[in-house]
Amino acid sequence: MSMEIVMTRESFDCLEKLVPAGLAERMEAPPVFLHGSGTAPHQVVLNCTLEVAEELLALARPSCGPAAEDLRIAIAEYRKSTGRA
């Protein structure tokens, strides 16, 4: 089952540098780039499984704090909505 992760472009840029090719290939779809308007930042939407999201979180924790926080929130919301603790 796929989950959606929304993060700022800056968070994505940091995370993208850390993702090995094998993990990138396991994403459900290419990233979708949303352009901001006014004061809203540009955002990126990722679609992946919970397992891939958890691997991304482990990669992001040491050096990409904002990306790690976006991933942590998305994972928590996904688990809550699906009843997966």
N, C-alpha and C. Protein backbone atom coordinates (compact mmCIF):
# COMPACT_ATOMS: atom_id res chain seq x y z
N MET A 1 0.85 -1.18 0.00
CA MET A 1 0.00 0.00 0.00
C MET A 1 0.89 1.24 0.00
N SER A 2 0.53 2.19 -0.82
CA SER A 2 1.35 3.38 -1.00
C SER A 2 0.95 4.50 -0.04
N MET A 3 1.94 5.26 0.37
CA MET A 3 1.68 6.43 1.20
C MET A 3 2.27 7.67 0.52
N GLU A 4 1.76 8.82 0.88
CA GLU A 4 2.20 10.08 0.28
C GLU A 4 2.97 10.89 1.32
N ILE A 5 4.11 11.43 0.89
CA ILE A 5 4.94 12.26 1.76
C ILE A 5 5.10 13.62 1.09
N VAL A 6 4.76 14.68 1.80
CA VAL A 6 4.91 16.03 1.27
C VAL A 6 6.01 16.72 2.06
N MET A 7 6.95 17.32 1.34
CA MET A 7 8.04 18.05 1.99
C MET A 7 8.43 19.25 1.15
N THR A 8 9.16 20.17 1.75
CA THR A 8 9.62 21.33 0.99
C THR A 8 10.69 20.89 0.00
N ARG A 9 10.90 21.71 -0.98
CA ARG A 9 11.92 21.42 -1.98
C ARG A 9 13.30 21.34 -1.33
N GLU A 10 13.56 22.20 -0.35
CA GLU A 10 14.85 22.18 0.34
C GLU A 10 15.07 20.86 1.08
N SER A 11 14.02 20.37 1.74
CA SER A 11 14.12 19.08 2.43
C SER A 11 14.39 17.96 1.44
N PHE A 12 13.67 17.99 0.32
CA PHE A 12 13.86 16.97 -0.71
C PHE A 12 15.28 17.00 -1.27
N ASP A 13 15.79 18.19 -1.54
CA ASP A 13 17.14 18.31 -2.09
C ASP A 13 18.18 17.70 -1.16
N CYS A 14 18.01 17.91 0.14
CA CYS A 14 18.93 17.33 1.12
C CYS A 14 18.81 15.81 1.13
N LEU A 15 17.58 15.31 1.17
CA LEU A 15 17.34 13.88 1.21
C LEU A 15 17.81 13.19 -0.06
N GLU A 16 17.57 13.80 -1.19
CA GLU A 16 17.91 13.19 -2.48
C GLU A 16 19.39 12.84 -2.58
N LYS A 17 20.24 13.65 -1.98
CA LYS A 17 21.69 13.40 -2.01
C LYS A 17 22.08 12.14 -1.25
N LEU A 18 21.23 11.69 -0.32
CA LEU A 18 21.55 10.55 0.54
C LEU A 18 20.98 9.23 0.04
N VAL A 19 20.03 9.28 -0.88
CA VAL A 19 19.29 8.08 -1.28
C VAL A 19 20.09 7.27 -2.30
N PRO A 20 20.41 6.02 -1.96
CA PRO A 20 21.12 5.16 -2.91
C PRO A 20 20.20 4.76 -4.07
N ALA A 21 20.79 4.44 -5.20
CA ALA A 21 20.03 4.12 -6.41
C ALA A 21 19.01 3.01 -6.16
N GLY A 22 19.39 1.96 -5.46
CA GLY A 22 18.47 0.85 -5.22
C GLY A 22 17.21 1.27 -4.49
N LEU A 23 17.35 2.19 -3.55
CA LEU A 23 16.19 2.67 -2.80
C LEU A 23 15.34 3.59 -3.68
N ALA A 24 15.98 4.43 -4.45
CA ALA A 24 15.25 5.33 -5.35
C ALA A 24 14.40 4.53 -6.34
N GLU A 25 14.90 3.41 -6.78
CA GLU A 25 14.17 2.57 -7.73
C GLU A 25 12.94 1.92 -7.11
N ARG A 26 12.90 1.84 -5.78
CA ARG A 26 11.76 1.23 -5.10
C ARG A 26 10.63 2.22 -4.82
N MET A 27 10.81 3.48 -5.20
CA MET A 27 9.75 4.47 -5.04
C MET A 27 8.59 4.08 -5.95
N GLU A 28 7.37 4.38 -5.54
CA GLU A 28 6.19 4.00 -6.32
C GLU A 28 6.02 4.84 -7.57
N ALA A 29 6.53 6.06 -7.55
CA ALA A 29 6.40 6.98 -8.69
C ALA A 29 7.49 8.03 -8.57
N PRO A 30 7.79 8.71 -9.67
CA PRO A 30 8.77 9.80 -9.57
C PRO A 30 8.23 10.92 -8.68
N PRO A 31 9.12 11.72 -8.10
CA PRO A 31 8.65 12.84 -7.28
C PRO A 31 7.82 13.82 -8.11
N VAL A 32 6.82 14.40 -7.48
CA VAL A 32 5.99 15.42 -8.11
C VAL A 32 6.37 16.75 -7.49
N PHE A 33 6.74 17.71 -8.32
CA PHE A 33 7.16 19.02 -7.83
C PHE A 33 6.00 20.01 -7.96
N LEU A 34 5.62 20.60 -6.83
CA LEU A 34 4.53 21.57 -6.79
C LEU A 34 5.13 22.95 -6.58
N HIS A 35 4.74 23.88 -7.40
CA HIS A 35 5.27 25.24 -7.29
C HIS A 35 4.47 26.03 -6.25
N GLY A 36 5.18 26.72 -5.41
CA GLY A 36 4.55 27.53 -4.38
C GLY A 36 3.93 28.78 -4.98
N SER A 37 3.10 29.41 -4.17
CA SER A 37 2.50 30.68 -4.60
C SER A 37 2.55 31.63 -3.42
N GLY A 38 2.87 32.88 -3.69
CA GLY A 38 2.96 33.86 -2.61
C GLY A 38 4.05 33.47 -1.63
N THR A 39 3.66 33.25 -0.38
CA THR A 39 4.63 32.89 0.65
C THR A 39 4.76 31.39 0.86
N ALA A 40 3.94 30.59 0.14
CA ALA A 40 4.01 29.13 0.28
C ALA A 40 5.26 28.61 -0.44
N PRO A 41 6.02 27.73 0.22
CA PRO A 41 7.24 27.21 -0.41
C PRO A 41 6.92 26.18 -1.50
N HIS A 42 7.87 25.98 -2.38
CA HIS A 42 7.76 24.89 -3.34
C HIS A 42 7.75 23.59 -2.56
N GLN A 43 6.93 22.63 -3.00
CA GLN A 43 6.83 21.36 -2.30
C GLN A 43 7.08 20.20 -3.26
N VAL A 44 7.43 19.08 -2.68
CA VAL A 44 7.65 17.84 -3.42
C VAL A 44 6.80 16.76 -2.78
N VAL A 45 6.13 15.97 -3.61
CA VAL A 45 5.31 14.87 -3.13
C VAL A 45 5.97 13.56 -3.55
N LEU A 46 6.20 12.69 -2.57
CA LEU A 46 6.78 11.37 -2.82
C LEU A 46 5.72 10.31 -2.53
N ASN A 47 5.70 9.26 -3.34
CA ASN A 47 4.81 8.12 -3.11
C ASN A 47 5.66 6.87 -2.95
N CYS A 48 5.47 6.18 -1.82
CA CYS A 48 6.26 4.98 -1.56
C CYS A 48 5.53 4.12 -0.53
N THR A 49 6.08 2.96 -0.29
CA THR A 49 5.53 2.09 0.75
C THR A 49 6.01 2.58 2.12
N LEU A 50 5.38 2.09 3.15
CA LEU A 50 5.79 2.41 4.51
C LEU A 50 7.24 1.97 4.74
N GLU A 51 7.59 0.82 4.23
CA GLU A 51 8.94 0.30 4.43
C GLU A 51 9.99 1.22 3.81
N VAL A 52 9.72 1.72 2.61
CA VAL A 52 10.66 2.65 1.96
C VAL A 52 10.71 3.95 2.74
N ALA A 53 9.57 4.44 3.20
CA ALA A 53 9.53 5.68 3.99
C ALA A 53 10.37 5.54 5.25
N GLU A 54 10.31 4.39 5.89
CA GLU A 54 11.12 4.16 7.11
C GLU A 54 12.61 4.15 6.78
N GLU A 55 12.97 3.60 5.63
CA GLU A 55 14.38 3.62 5.21
C GLU A 55 14.83 5.05 4.91
N LEU A 56 13.96 5.83 4.28
CA LEU A 56 14.28 7.23 4.00
C LEU A 56 14.47 7.99 5.31
N LEU A 57 13.62 7.72 6.29
CA LEU A 57 13.73 8.38 7.59
C LEU A 57 15.07 8.06 8.25
N ALA A 58 15.48 6.80 8.18
CA ALA A 58 16.76 6.41 8.77
C ALA A 58 17.92 7.13 8.09
N LEU A 59 17.83 7.34 6.78
CA LEU A 59 18.87 8.07 6.06
C LEU A 59 18.87 9.56 6.42
N ALA A 60 17.67 10.13 6.59
CA ALA A 60 17.54 11.57 6.81
C ALA A 60 17.91 12.00 8.22
N ARG A 61 17.67 11.15 9.21
CA ARG A 61 17.86 11.55 10.62
C ARG A 61 19.21 12.20 10.92
N PRO A 62 20.33 11.63 10.49
CA PRO A 62 21.62 12.20 10.89
C PRO A 62 21.93 13.58 10.30
N SER A 63 21.47 13.88 9.09
CA SER A 63 21.94 15.12 8.47
C SER A 63 20.87 15.96 7.77
N CYS A 64 19.65 15.50 7.73
CA CYS A 64 18.58 16.27 7.06
C CYS A 64 17.39 16.39 8.02
N GLY A 65 17.57 17.20 9.06
CA GLY A 65 16.54 17.34 10.09
C GLY A 65 15.15 17.65 9.57
N PRO A 66 14.98 18.68 8.71
CA PRO A 66 13.64 19.00 8.22
C PRO A 66 13.01 17.85 7.42
N ALA A 67 13.81 17.17 6.60
CA ALA A 67 13.29 16.03 5.83
C ALA A 67 12.89 14.91 6.79
N ALA A 68 13.71 14.66 7.80
CA ALA A 68 13.40 13.62 8.78
C ALA A 68 12.09 13.93 9.49
N GLU A 69 11.87 15.19 9.83
CA GLU A 69 10.63 15.58 10.50
C GLU A 69 9.43 15.37 9.58
N ASP A 70 9.55 15.76 8.30
CA ASP A 70 8.46 15.54 7.34
C ASP A 70 8.14 14.05 7.21
N LEU A 71 9.17 13.23 7.14
CA LEU A 71 8.99 11.79 7.02
C LEU A 71 8.36 11.21 8.29
N ARG A 72 8.84 11.65 9.44
CA ARG A 72 8.30 11.16 10.71
C ARG A 72 6.80 11.45 10.81
N ILE A 73 6.42 12.66 10.45
CA ILE A 73 5.00 13.06 10.50
C ILE A 73 4.17 12.24 9.51
N ALA A 74 4.66 12.09 8.29
CA ALA A 74 3.93 11.33 7.27
C ALA A 74 3.76 9.87 7.68
N ILE A 75 4.80 9.28 8.27
CA ILE A 75 4.72 7.89 8.71
C ILE A 75 3.71 7.75 9.85
N ALA A 76 3.74 8.68 10.80
CA ALA A 76 2.79 8.63 11.93
C ALA A 76 1.35 8.78 11.43
N GLU A 77 1.12 9.69 10.50
CA GLU A 77 -0.23 9.89 9.96
C GLU A 77 -0.70 8.66 9.19
N TYR A 78 0.21 8.06 8.43
CA TYR A 78 -0.13 6.86 7.67
C TYR A 78 -0.50 5.72 8.61
N ARG A 79 0.31 5.52 9.64
CA ARG A 79 0.03 4.45 10.60
C ARG A 79 -1.31 4.68 11.30
N LYS A 80 -1.59 5.93 11.64
CA LYS A 80 -2.85 6.25 12.32
C LYS A 80 -4.04 5.97 11.38
N SER A 81 -3.91 6.38 10.11
CA SER A 81 -5.03 6.22 9.17
C SER A 81 -5.28 4.77 8.77
N THR A 82 -4.24 3.94 8.87
CA THR A 82 -4.39 2.54 8.46
C THR A 82 -4.49 1.59 9.65
N GLY A 83 -4.33 2.12 10.86
CA GLY A 83 -4.39 1.28 12.04
C GLY A 83 -3.14 0.45 12.25
N ARG A 84 -2.07 0.81 11.55
CA ARG A 84 -0.79 0.09 11.69
C ARG A 84 0.05 0.80 12.75
N ALA A 85 0.21 0.18 13.88
CA ALA A 85 0.94 0.81 14.98
C ALA A 85 2.43 0.69 14.82
